[in-house]
Amino acid sequence: TSISQFKNDFKIHDGDFVFLFAGKFIEKKNPLLLIDAFSELAKYQQHVRLLLVGNGVLEPIIRKKIAELSEDIANRISVLPFQDQPSMKIIYRLANYFVLSSKGPAETWGLSVNEALTSGTPVIASDKCGCSVDLIKEGENGFLFQSGNPESLIDKMNKSFAIVTGK
């Protein structure tokens, strides 16, 4: 599978800005916060997309939350099942920014941040990710946001969008 195939499969158009979450759909990874932040951002940024890759106990809640959003915003969120490493390498490169919205406890490192950065994809990570202080250089290869604070995450998502698009 190629980047263009993934773009086709998930109706991602040239000019779309893609945020990516990849990991377990569990409380400590806090994907629900990311959906909330994305849905606010998507109200005034028409060309943003969100890919959620993984599985876990929160999947039914994630799908319900997406279904409750406006059709316009819900259609810009895709949920993919767990992917193998070759597919993930393509998905990381497809994304403009990787987001790890963890709230802990015990988010000891956050290996997906390494994977995203190795793929050349900058990262937005919460200050609860163990690796964030060591790997993320604010404004260069990503941003840190205050865990559990949707406004902080939206601010960093806006900044990342502005850097890439000039808007």
N, C-alpha and C. Protein backbone atom coordinates (compact mmCIF):
# COMPACT_ATOMS: atom_id res chain seq x y z
N THR A 1 0.84 -1.18 0.00
CA THR A 1 0.00 0.00 0.00
C THR A 1 0.89 1.24 0.00
N SER A 2 0.51 2.25 -0.77
CA SER A 2 1.29 3.47 -0.89
C SER A 2 0.57 4.63 -0.20
N ILE A 3 1.26 5.76 -0.09
CA ILE A 3 0.64 6.95 0.49
C ILE A 3 -0.59 7.34 -0.33
N SER A 4 -0.46 7.31 -1.65
CA SER A 4 -1.60 7.71 -2.48
C SER A 4 -2.78 6.75 -2.30
N GLN A 5 -2.51 5.46 -2.09
CA GLN A 5 -3.59 4.50 -1.84
C GLN A 5 -4.31 4.81 -0.53
N PHE A 6 -3.53 5.10 0.53
CA PHE A 6 -4.14 5.47 1.81
C PHE A 6 -4.97 6.75 1.65
N LYS A 7 -4.43 7.72 0.93
CA LYS A 7 -5.17 8.98 0.72
C LYS A 7 -6.49 8.69 0.01
N ASN A 8 -6.45 7.84 -1.00
CA ASN A 8 -7.67 7.46 -1.71
C ASN A 8 -8.65 6.77 -0.77
N ASP A 9 -8.15 5.78 -0.03
CA ASP A 9 -9.01 4.98 0.85
C ASP A 9 -9.73 5.85 1.88
N PHE A 10 -9.07 6.90 2.35
CA PHE A 10 -9.64 7.70 3.43
C PHE A 10 -10.04 9.10 2.97
N LYS A 11 -10.15 9.26 1.65
CA LYS A 11 -10.65 10.50 1.05
C LYS A 11 -9.89 11.72 1.56
N ILE A 12 -8.56 11.58 1.59
CA ILE A 12 -7.70 12.70 1.96
C ILE A 12 -7.26 13.37 0.67
N HIS A 13 -7.54 14.65 0.56
CA HIS A 13 -7.25 15.38 -0.67
C HIS A 13 -5.96 16.18 -0.54
N ASP A 14 -5.36 16.50 -1.68
CA ASP A 14 -4.21 17.38 -1.65
C ASP A 14 -4.63 18.67 -0.96
N GLY A 15 -3.81 19.17 -0.09
CA GLY A 15 -4.16 20.37 0.65
C GLY A 15 -4.79 20.09 2.00
N ASP A 16 -5.19 18.83 2.25
CA ASP A 16 -5.71 18.47 3.57
C ASP A 16 -4.54 18.37 4.55
N PHE A 17 -4.79 18.79 5.76
CA PHE A 17 -3.80 18.72 6.84
C PHE A 17 -4.21 17.57 7.75
N VAL A 18 -3.32 16.61 7.93
CA VAL A 18 -3.67 15.37 8.63
C VAL A 18 -2.99 15.28 9.99
N PHE A 19 -3.82 15.15 11.04
CA PHE A 19 -3.35 14.82 12.38
C PHE A 19 -3.52 13.32 12.55
N LEU A 20 -2.55 12.69 13.21
CA LEU A 20 -2.56 11.24 13.39
C LEU A 20 -2.40 10.88 14.86
N PHE A 21 -3.22 9.96 15.32
CA PHE A 21 -3.03 9.30 16.61
C PHE A 21 -2.85 7.82 16.29
N ALA A 22 -1.83 7.19 16.86
CA ALA A 22 -1.65 5.75 16.70
C ALA A 22 -1.28 5.18 18.07
N GLY A 23 -2.07 4.24 18.51
CA GLY A 23 -1.79 3.64 19.81
C GLY A 23 -3.01 2.90 20.31
N LYS A 24 -2.91 2.46 21.54
CA LYS A 24 -4.03 1.76 22.15
C LYS A 24 -5.13 2.76 22.47
N PHE A 25 -6.35 2.37 22.22
CA PHE A 25 -7.50 3.20 22.58
C PHE A 25 -7.84 2.91 24.05
N ILE A 26 -7.04 3.51 24.93
CA ILE A 26 -7.21 3.32 26.37
C ILE A 26 -7.17 4.68 27.06
N GLU A 27 -7.68 4.72 28.28
CA GLU A 27 -7.79 5.97 29.03
C GLU A 27 -6.48 6.74 29.11
N LYS A 28 -5.38 6.06 29.46
CA LYS A 28 -4.14 6.81 29.68
C LYS A 28 -3.62 7.47 28.40
N LYS A 29 -3.98 6.94 27.24
CA LYS A 29 -3.56 7.56 25.96
C LYS A 29 -4.45 8.75 25.60
N ASN A 30 -5.63 8.82 26.20
CA ASN A 30 -6.55 9.95 26.11
C ASN A 30 -6.94 10.36 24.67
N PRO A 31 -7.31 9.40 23.82
CA PRO A 31 -7.73 9.78 22.47
C PRO A 31 -9.01 10.62 22.45
N LEU A 32 -9.83 10.53 23.50
CA LEU A 32 -11.07 11.31 23.54
C LEU A 32 -10.78 12.81 23.62
N LEU A 33 -9.73 13.19 24.33
CA LEU A 33 -9.32 14.60 24.37
C LEU A 33 -8.94 15.08 22.97
N LEU A 34 -8.23 14.26 22.24
CA LEU A 34 -7.83 14.63 20.88
C LEU A 34 -9.05 14.82 19.98
N ILE A 35 -10.03 13.95 20.11
CA ILE A 35 -11.26 14.09 19.30
C ILE A 35 -11.96 15.40 19.65
N ASP A 36 -12.03 15.72 20.94
CA ASP A 36 -12.65 16.99 21.36
C ASP A 36 -11.90 18.18 20.76
N ALA A 37 -10.58 18.18 20.88
CA ALA A 37 -9.78 19.29 20.37
C ALA A 37 -9.91 19.39 18.85
N PHE A 38 -9.84 18.24 18.18
CA PHE A 38 -9.97 18.25 16.72
C PHE A 38 -11.33 18.80 16.29
N SER A 39 -12.38 18.40 16.97
CA SER A 39 -13.72 18.85 16.56
C SER A 39 -13.87 20.36 16.73
N GLU A 40 -13.21 20.94 17.72
CA GLU A 40 -13.22 22.41 17.86
C GLU A 40 -12.43 23.06 16.73
N LEU A 41 -11.24 22.56 16.46
CA LEU A 41 -10.39 23.09 15.39
C LEU A 41 -11.09 22.98 14.04
N ALA A 42 -11.75 21.86 13.81
CA ALA A 42 -12.39 21.59 12.52
C ALA A 42 -13.57 22.52 12.24
N LYS A 43 -14.08 23.18 13.26
CA LYS A 43 -15.19 24.12 13.06
C LYS A 43 -14.76 25.30 12.21
N TYR A 44 -13.49 25.69 12.30
CA TYR A 44 -13.02 26.86 11.53
C TYR A 44 -11.84 26.56 10.61
N GLN A 45 -11.37 25.34 10.59
CA GLN A 45 -10.34 24.93 9.63
C GLN A 45 -10.94 23.80 8.78
N GLN A 46 -11.32 24.13 7.56
CA GLN A 46 -12.05 23.18 6.73
C GLN A 46 -11.20 22.02 6.20
N HIS A 47 -9.89 22.20 6.12
CA HIS A 47 -9.05 21.20 5.48
C HIS A 47 -8.21 20.39 6.46
N VAL A 48 -8.76 20.16 7.65
CA VAL A 48 -8.07 19.30 8.61
C VAL A 48 -8.74 17.94 8.65
N ARG A 49 -7.91 16.92 8.87
CA ARG A 49 -8.38 15.53 8.97
C ARG A 49 -7.73 14.91 10.21
N LEU A 50 -8.38 13.89 10.76
CA LEU A 50 -7.85 13.15 11.88
C LEU A 50 -7.91 11.66 11.58
N LEU A 51 -6.76 11.00 11.70
CA LEU A 51 -6.69 9.54 11.58
C LEU A 51 -6.40 8.97 12.96
N LEU A 52 -7.21 8.03 13.38
CA LEU A 52 -7.00 7.33 14.65
C LEU A 52 -6.70 5.88 14.31
N VAL A 53 -5.51 5.41 14.67
CA VAL A 53 -5.10 4.06 14.32
C VAL A 53 -4.86 3.27 15.59
N GLY A 54 -5.57 2.15 15.73
CA GLY A 54 -5.36 1.29 16.88
C GLY A 54 -6.62 0.54 17.23
N ASN A 55 -6.62 0.05 18.46
CA ASN A 55 -7.79 -0.63 18.99
C ASN A 55 -7.69 -0.63 20.50
N GLY A 56 -8.77 -1.00 21.14
CA GLY A 56 -8.76 -1.03 22.60
C GLY A 56 -10.14 -0.79 23.16
N VAL A 57 -10.21 -0.77 24.48
CA VAL A 57 -11.49 -0.72 25.17
C VAL A 57 -12.29 0.55 24.87
N LEU A 58 -11.65 1.63 24.48
CA LEU A 58 -12.37 2.87 24.20
C LEU A 58 -12.95 2.94 22.78
N GLU A 59 -12.68 1.94 21.96
CA GLU A 59 -13.13 2.01 20.57
C GLU A 59 -14.63 2.27 20.44
N PRO A 60 -15.49 1.56 21.16
CA PRO A 60 -16.92 1.86 21.01
C PRO A 60 -17.27 3.29 21.43
N ILE A 61 -16.62 3.79 22.45
CA ILE A 61 -16.87 5.16 22.92
C ILE A 61 -16.36 6.16 21.88
N ILE A 62 -15.20 5.88 21.29
CA ILE A 62 -14.65 6.73 20.23
C ILE A 62 -15.62 6.80 19.06
N ARG A 63 -16.09 5.65 18.62
CA ARG A 63 -17.01 5.62 17.47
C ARG A 63 -18.32 6.35 17.79
N LYS A 64 -18.82 6.20 19.01
CA LYS A 64 -20.04 6.89 19.41
C LYS A 64 -19.82 8.39 19.44
N LYS A 65 -18.70 8.82 19.99
CA LYS A 65 -18.38 10.25 20.08
C LYS A 65 -18.30 10.86 18.67
N ILE A 66 -17.66 10.16 17.74
CA ILE A 66 -17.55 10.65 16.36
C ILE A 66 -18.95 10.72 15.73
N ALA A 67 -19.77 9.71 15.96
CA ALA A 67 -21.12 9.67 15.38
C ALA A 67 -21.98 10.82 15.89
N GLU A 68 -21.69 11.34 17.07
CA GLU A 68 -22.47 12.43 17.64
C GLU A 68 -22.03 13.81 17.14
N LEU A 69 -20.91 13.86 16.42
CA LEU A 69 -20.43 15.14 15.88
C LEU A 69 -21.25 15.52 14.65
N SER A 70 -21.12 16.77 14.22
CA SER A 70 -21.78 17.16 12.98
C SER A 70 -21.25 16.28 11.85
N GLU A 71 -22.07 16.04 10.86
CA GLU A 71 -21.66 15.17 9.75
C GLU A 71 -20.39 15.68 9.08
N ASP A 72 -20.29 17.00 8.91
CA ASP A 72 -19.11 17.59 8.27
C ASP A 72 -17.83 17.22 9.02
N ILE A 73 -17.85 17.35 10.33
CA ILE A 73 -16.65 17.06 11.12
C ILE A 73 -16.44 15.55 11.24
N ALA A 74 -17.49 14.80 11.49
CA ALA A 74 -17.37 13.34 11.61
C ALA A 74 -16.78 12.72 10.35
N ASN A 75 -17.12 13.27 9.19
CA ASN A 75 -16.59 12.74 7.93
C ASN A 75 -15.11 13.01 7.73
N ARG A 76 -14.53 13.84 8.58
CA ARG A 76 -13.10 14.13 8.48
C ARG A 76 -12.28 13.35 9.50
N ILE A 77 -12.92 12.42 10.17
CA ILE A 77 -12.23 11.55 11.13
C ILE A 77 -12.34 10.11 10.64
N SER A 78 -11.19 9.44 10.56
CA SER A 78 -11.17 8.02 10.17
C SER A 78 -10.57 7.20 11.30
N VAL A 79 -11.18 6.06 11.57
CA VAL A 79 -10.69 5.12 12.58
C VAL A 79 -10.21 3.88 11.84
N LEU A 80 -8.94 3.57 12.00
CA LEU A 80 -8.35 2.40 11.36
C LEU A 80 -7.97 1.39 12.43
N PRO A 81 -8.09 0.11 12.13
CA PRO A 81 -7.64 -0.89 13.10
C PRO A 81 -6.12 -0.87 13.21
N PHE A 82 -5.61 -1.60 14.18
CA PHE A 82 -4.17 -1.77 14.35
C PHE A 82 -3.53 -2.09 12.99
N GLN A 83 -2.38 -1.47 12.71
CA GLN A 83 -1.68 -1.67 11.43
C GLN A 83 -0.30 -2.28 11.69
N ASP A 84 0.20 -3.05 10.72
CA ASP A 84 1.55 -3.60 10.85
C ASP A 84 2.59 -2.50 10.60
N GLN A 85 3.85 -2.78 10.93
CA GLN A 85 4.91 -1.78 10.83
C GLN A 85 5.09 -1.20 9.42
N PRO A 86 5.09 -2.02 8.36
CA PRO A 86 5.23 -1.42 7.02
C PRO A 86 4.11 -0.41 6.72
N SER A 87 2.89 -0.73 7.09
CA SER A 87 1.78 0.21 6.87
C SER A 87 1.94 1.45 7.74
N MET A 88 2.39 1.28 8.98
CA MET A 88 2.55 2.43 9.87
C MET A 88 3.61 3.40 9.34
N LYS A 89 4.65 2.87 8.73
CA LYS A 89 5.67 3.78 8.16
C LYS A 89 5.05 4.69 7.11
N ILE A 90 4.14 4.16 6.32
CA ILE A 90 3.45 4.96 5.30
C ILE A 90 2.49 5.94 5.97
N ILE A 91 1.75 5.48 6.96
CA ILE A 91 0.77 6.33 7.63
C ILE A 91 1.46 7.49 8.35
N TYR A 92 2.60 7.22 9.01
CA TYR A 92 3.34 8.32 9.65
C TYR A 92 3.74 9.38 8.61
N ARG A 93 4.18 8.94 7.44
CA ARG A 93 4.60 9.89 6.40
C ARG A 93 3.41 10.62 5.79
N LEU A 94 2.24 10.02 5.82
CA LEU A 94 1.03 10.65 5.32
C LEU A 94 0.60 11.81 6.21
N ALA A 95 0.87 11.70 7.51
CA ALA A 95 0.43 12.70 8.47
C ALA A 95 1.31 13.95 8.43
N ASN A 96 0.67 15.10 8.68
CA ASN A 96 1.42 16.34 8.85
C ASN A 96 1.97 16.43 10.27
N TYR A 97 1.18 15.97 11.23
CA TYR A 97 1.59 15.95 12.64
C TYR A 97 1.04 14.71 13.31
N PHE A 98 1.87 14.11 14.17
CA PHE A 98 1.45 13.01 15.02
C PHE A 98 1.08 13.61 16.38
N VAL A 99 -0.01 13.12 16.98
CA VAL A 99 -0.44 13.63 18.29
C VAL A 99 -0.51 12.49 19.29
N LEU A 100 0.18 12.66 20.42
CA LEU A 100 0.09 11.71 21.53
C LEU A 100 -0.47 12.48 22.72
N SER A 101 -1.72 12.26 23.00
CA SER A 101 -2.48 13.07 23.97
C SER A 101 -2.53 12.45 25.37
N SER A 102 -1.54 11.66 25.71
CA SER A 102 -1.55 10.88 26.95
C SER A 102 -1.73 11.74 28.20
N LYS A 103 -2.44 11.12 29.16
CA LYS A 103 -2.61 11.78 30.45
C LYS A 103 -1.99 10.94 31.58
N GLY A 104 -1.47 9.77 31.25
CA GLY A 104 -0.91 8.91 32.28
C GLY A 104 -2.04 8.20 33.01
N PRO A 105 -1.78 7.60 34.15
CA PRO A 105 -0.45 7.57 34.76
C PRO A 105 0.47 6.58 34.05
N ALA A 106 1.71 6.71 34.33
CA ALA A 106 2.72 5.75 33.87
C ALA A 106 2.87 5.70 32.36
N GLU A 107 2.84 6.85 31.69
CA GLU A 107 3.23 6.89 30.28
C GLU A 107 4.75 7.06 30.32
N THR A 108 5.44 5.92 30.41
CA THR A 108 6.86 5.98 30.71
C THR A 108 7.70 6.59 29.60
N TRP A 109 7.37 6.33 28.36
CA TRP A 109 8.17 6.89 27.27
C TRP A 109 7.28 7.41 26.15
N GLY A 110 6.61 6.55 25.42
CA GLY A 110 5.80 6.95 24.28
C GLY A 110 6.54 6.63 22.99
N LEU A 111 6.76 5.34 22.74
CA LEU A 111 7.54 4.87 21.59
C LEU A 111 7.01 5.40 20.26
N SER A 112 5.72 5.63 20.16
CA SER A 112 5.15 6.13 18.90
C SER A 112 5.73 7.50 18.54
N VAL A 113 6.15 8.27 19.52
CA VAL A 113 6.80 9.56 19.23
C VAL A 113 8.11 9.32 18.48
N ASN A 114 8.90 8.34 18.93
CA ASN A 114 10.12 7.97 18.22
C ASN A 114 9.81 7.57 16.78
N GLU A 115 8.79 6.74 16.62
CA GLU A 115 8.43 6.25 15.29
C GLU A 115 8.02 7.41 14.37
N ALA A 116 7.22 8.33 14.88
CA ALA A 116 6.79 9.47 14.07
C ALA A 116 7.99 10.33 13.68
N LEU A 117 8.83 10.68 14.64
CA LEU A 117 9.98 11.53 14.35
C LEU A 117 10.95 10.85 13.38
N THR A 118 11.14 9.55 13.53
CA THR A 118 12.00 8.80 12.61
C THR A 118 11.44 8.84 11.19
N SER A 119 10.13 8.94 11.07
CA SER A 119 9.48 9.02 9.76
C SER A 119 9.48 10.44 9.20
N GLY A 120 9.99 11.39 9.98
CA GLY A 120 10.02 12.77 9.54
C GLY A 120 8.74 13.54 9.87
N THR A 121 7.89 12.97 10.70
CA THR A 121 6.62 13.60 11.06
C THR A 121 6.78 14.29 12.41
N PRO A 122 6.55 15.60 12.46
CA PRO A 122 6.63 16.30 13.74
C PRO A 122 5.52 15.86 14.67
N VAL A 123 5.67 16.19 15.96
CA VAL A 123 4.82 15.62 17.01
C VAL A 123 4.24 16.71 17.91
N ILE A 124 2.99 16.51 18.30
CA ILE A 124 2.39 17.26 19.40
C ILE A 124 2.16 16.23 20.50
N ALA A 125 2.79 16.44 21.66
CA ALA A 125 2.67 15.46 22.75
C ALA A 125 2.36 16.16 24.05
N SER A 126 1.66 15.45 24.92
CA SER A 126 1.36 16.01 26.24
C SER A 126 2.62 15.99 27.09
N ASP A 127 2.61 16.83 28.11
CA ASP A 127 3.74 16.89 29.03
C ASP A 127 3.82 15.66 29.94
N LYS A 128 2.88 14.72 29.79
CA LYS A 128 2.92 13.47 30.55
C LYS A 128 3.70 12.37 29.81
N CYS A 129 4.06 12.59 28.56
CA CYS A 129 4.83 11.60 27.81
C CYS A 129 6.29 11.67 28.26
N GLY A 130 6.81 10.54 28.70
CA GLY A 130 8.17 10.52 29.23
C GLY A 130 9.22 11.03 28.27
N CYS A 131 9.01 10.77 27.00
CA CYS A 131 10.01 11.14 25.99
C CYS A 131 9.93 12.60 25.58
N SER A 132 8.83 13.28 25.91
CA SER A 132 8.59 14.60 25.35
C SER A 132 9.70 15.60 25.64
N VAL A 133 10.21 15.61 26.85
CA VAL A 133 11.26 16.57 27.20
C VAL A 133 12.55 16.25 26.45
N ASP A 134 12.83 14.97 26.25
CA ASP A 134 14.07 14.57 25.59
C ASP A 134 14.02 14.70 24.07
N LEU A 135 12.87 14.47 23.46
CA LEU A 135 12.80 14.36 22.01
C LEU A 135 12.20 15.57 21.29
N ILE A 136 11.33 16.31 21.96
CA ILE A 136 10.63 17.38 21.26
C ILE A 136 11.28 18.73 21.53
N LYS A 137 11.68 19.38 20.45
CA LYS A 137 12.23 20.73 20.52
C LYS A 137 11.11 21.67 20.07
N GLU A 138 10.55 22.39 21.03
CA GLU A 138 9.38 23.23 20.83
C GLU A 138 9.51 24.11 19.59
N GLY A 139 8.56 23.94 18.67
CA GLY A 139 8.53 24.75 17.46
C GLY A 139 9.44 24.26 16.35
N GLU A 140 10.32 23.29 16.64
CA GLU A 140 11.23 22.76 15.62
C GLU A 140 10.73 21.43 15.06
N ASN A 141 10.58 20.46 15.95
CA ASN A 141 10.08 19.15 15.50
C ASN A 141 8.76 18.80 16.18
N GLY A 142 8.17 19.79 16.83
CA GLY A 142 6.90 19.54 17.48
C GLY A 142 6.58 20.52 18.58
N PHE A 143 5.57 20.16 19.35
CA PHE A 143 5.07 20.99 20.45
C PHE A 143 4.66 20.13 21.62
N LEU A 144 4.76 20.70 22.80
CA LEU A 144 4.24 20.08 24.01
C LEU A 144 2.99 20.83 24.44
N PHE A 145 2.01 20.10 24.95
CA PHE A 145 0.83 20.75 25.50
C PHE A 145 0.59 20.21 26.90
N GLN A 146 -0.19 20.97 27.68
CA GLN A 146 -0.50 20.59 29.04
C GLN A 146 -1.53 19.46 29.04
N SER A 147 -1.16 18.34 29.58
CA SER A 147 -2.03 17.16 29.62
C SER A 147 -3.39 17.50 30.21
N GLY A 148 -4.44 17.00 29.56
CA GLY A 148 -5.79 17.19 30.06
C GLY A 148 -6.38 18.56 29.76
N ASN A 149 -5.63 19.42 29.08
CA ASN A 149 -6.08 20.79 28.81
C ASN A 149 -6.42 20.92 27.32
N PRO A 150 -7.71 20.85 26.98
CA PRO A 150 -8.08 20.91 25.56
C PRO A 150 -7.65 22.21 24.88
N GLU A 151 -7.70 23.34 25.61
CA GLU A 151 -7.30 24.62 25.01
C GLU A 151 -5.82 24.61 24.65
N SER A 152 -5.01 24.02 25.51
CA SER A 152 -3.57 23.92 25.24
C SER A 152 -3.33 23.06 23.99
N LEU A 153 -4.05 21.95 23.87
CA LEU A 153 -3.90 21.09 22.70
C LEU A 153 -4.39 21.80 21.44
N ILE A 154 -5.53 22.47 21.51
CA ILE A 154 -6.04 23.20 20.34
C ILE A 154 -5.03 24.26 19.90
N ASP A 155 -4.44 24.97 20.87
CA ASP A 155 -3.44 25.99 20.55
C ASP A 155 -2.27 25.39 19.78
N LYS A 156 -1.77 24.26 20.22
CA LYS A 156 -0.63 23.61 19.54
C LYS A 156 -1.04 23.07 18.16
N MET A 157 -2.27 22.57 18.06
CA MET A 157 -2.76 22.11 16.76
C MET A 157 -2.87 23.29 15.79
N ASN A 158 -3.35 24.42 16.28
CA ASN A 158 -3.42 25.63 15.46
C ASN A 158 -2.03 26.08 15.01
N LYS A 159 -1.08 26.05 15.94
CA LYS A 159 0.29 26.46 15.60
C LYS A 159 0.89 25.55 14.54
N SER A 160 0.67 24.25 14.69
CA SER A 160 1.22 23.30 13.71
C SER A 160 0.60 23.52 12.34
N PHE A 161 -0.71 23.76 12.32
CA PHE A 161 -1.42 24.03 11.06
C PHE A 161 -0.85 25.29 10.42
N ALA A 162 -0.64 26.33 11.20
CA ALA A 162 -0.12 27.60 10.68
C ALA A 162 1.29 27.44 10.12
N ILE A 163 2.12 26.67 10.80
CA ILE A 163 3.50 26.46 10.33
C ILE A 163 3.50 25.78 8.96
N VAL A 164 2.72 24.74 8.84
CA VAL A 164 2.73 23.95 7.59
C VAL A 164 2.02 24.68 6.45
N THR A 165 0.90 25.33 6.75
CA THR A 165 0.09 25.92 5.68
C THR A 165 0.35 27.40 5.47
N GLY A 166 0.99 28.05 6.43
CA GLY A 166 1.17 29.50 6.34
C GLY A 166 -0.10 30.27 6.60
N LYS A 167 -1.14 29.61 7.15
CA LYS A 167 -2.43 30.25 7.42
C LYS A 167 -2.66 30.44 8.90
